[in-house]
Amino acid sequence: MSGLREELYSEVAPGLWARKSHPVPPVNTIDALIFDIDGVLVDVSQSFPQVLPLAVQYYFNRILNVPGAAPLVTASDNALFKMAGRYNNDWDVVNGAVCYGLMKLLSLNDGCRPSLEALSTAEPSLEEFTAAIKKRGGGLDNTLVYIREQLSQGKFRKFQSLHKPEVVKKIFMEHYAGKGLCRAFYGHDPEYYQGPGLNEREVYLPELKLLENLAGTGIALGVLSGRIPSEADYALARMGLDQLLAAGFVILDDGSLPGKPDPTGLRLLEERMGFVRALYVGDTPDDWSTVLNFRKELEDPTGISGCLVETGAKHNKRLISWFEQAQVDYLATDVNCLLKAMQP
């Protein structure tokens, strides 16, 4: 355990830490437990983040015919977009990364032969780029605003002609779902990529018996996730968790609600679940911001607490450091550490 964690948190159960600075509701007082999916119920470290560099590379090599093998982004760079905020959707992350590469492509000195090697060393760094996006409020829309500020009018028009967001999204989908699940997830057969999907590398995390025990005590279980319904339903069924979740207690990205960190999803779950004291379990800065934004609406701020699990961040020191410094209500090594601490 780091010195910072020892200073800011108390270990209240094996693998579970509570913030010291303000009292947090004990986990045995929780009457509703709400989960994000990616990084919480499913270890996606070998799927979504790994698709990012593959999809960006494919777009520049095969769609734009930019030669080279140097990576513009890596799997761990996914965290930089997450920390910029409002990049909860991984389709937006890959589009943000493509926009980053296109901005650098159009900023190269005239006469410089474009290649991925040239782009990978051109300024700005991805850290500088995502920091600038964060200052503007995060998300893909603000990314486009920033790029427009950096390019001349003519170069921005060229940028718009080269950026085909639906093609980028489709390439990402096909690498994630693979030939076997592309139609089931997205309603179309693969056009760009015919290989196996990286979703096959995902690891399902929760011990079902622990969840069954909690449900048996009357604790309501829910889900608030940025996954689309077809992806989420597949994962929840594979875990067996679908049998423990009432249909109205699962809110996914079906396009009807604003995404995190907007608190609308938590507000709707409060109405449906009727909880007095809920705990939302996530793994990104946007998840924590969603809790804080909802807390502002409540007469009793103890009505919602947040727990961030380190599953998705365990290979990324940037995110672990952010988790600790943010002084979230609870930190957990993984979802099972939390569930074991809540057992009757």
Foldseek 3Di string as FASTA:
>chain_A
DDPLCVVAWDDPFVQKTFGDPDDAPDLLVAQAEAEAPDLAQKQCLQALLQLLQVLLVCLCCPVVVAADDDTLDHSLCLQLQLQLPAPQDSLQVSLLSNLLLLLLVLVDDPPDRGHVVSSSPGDDRSNVLSVVSSVVPHTNVSSLVVSPVVDDPVSNVVSVVSRDSVVSSLSSLCQAQAQVCSCQQPNDGRDRGHGHHSVVVMDGDDDVVLVVQSVVVNRAYAYDYAGAVSVVVVNCVVVVNVVRHDPQRYHYPPPPDDHFPDLPNVVSNCVVVVTQAYEYEEATPRSQSNLVNVLVVDPDSRNYFYEHECSNPPVPPVSVVVVSVVNGRMYGPHNHSVSVSNGD
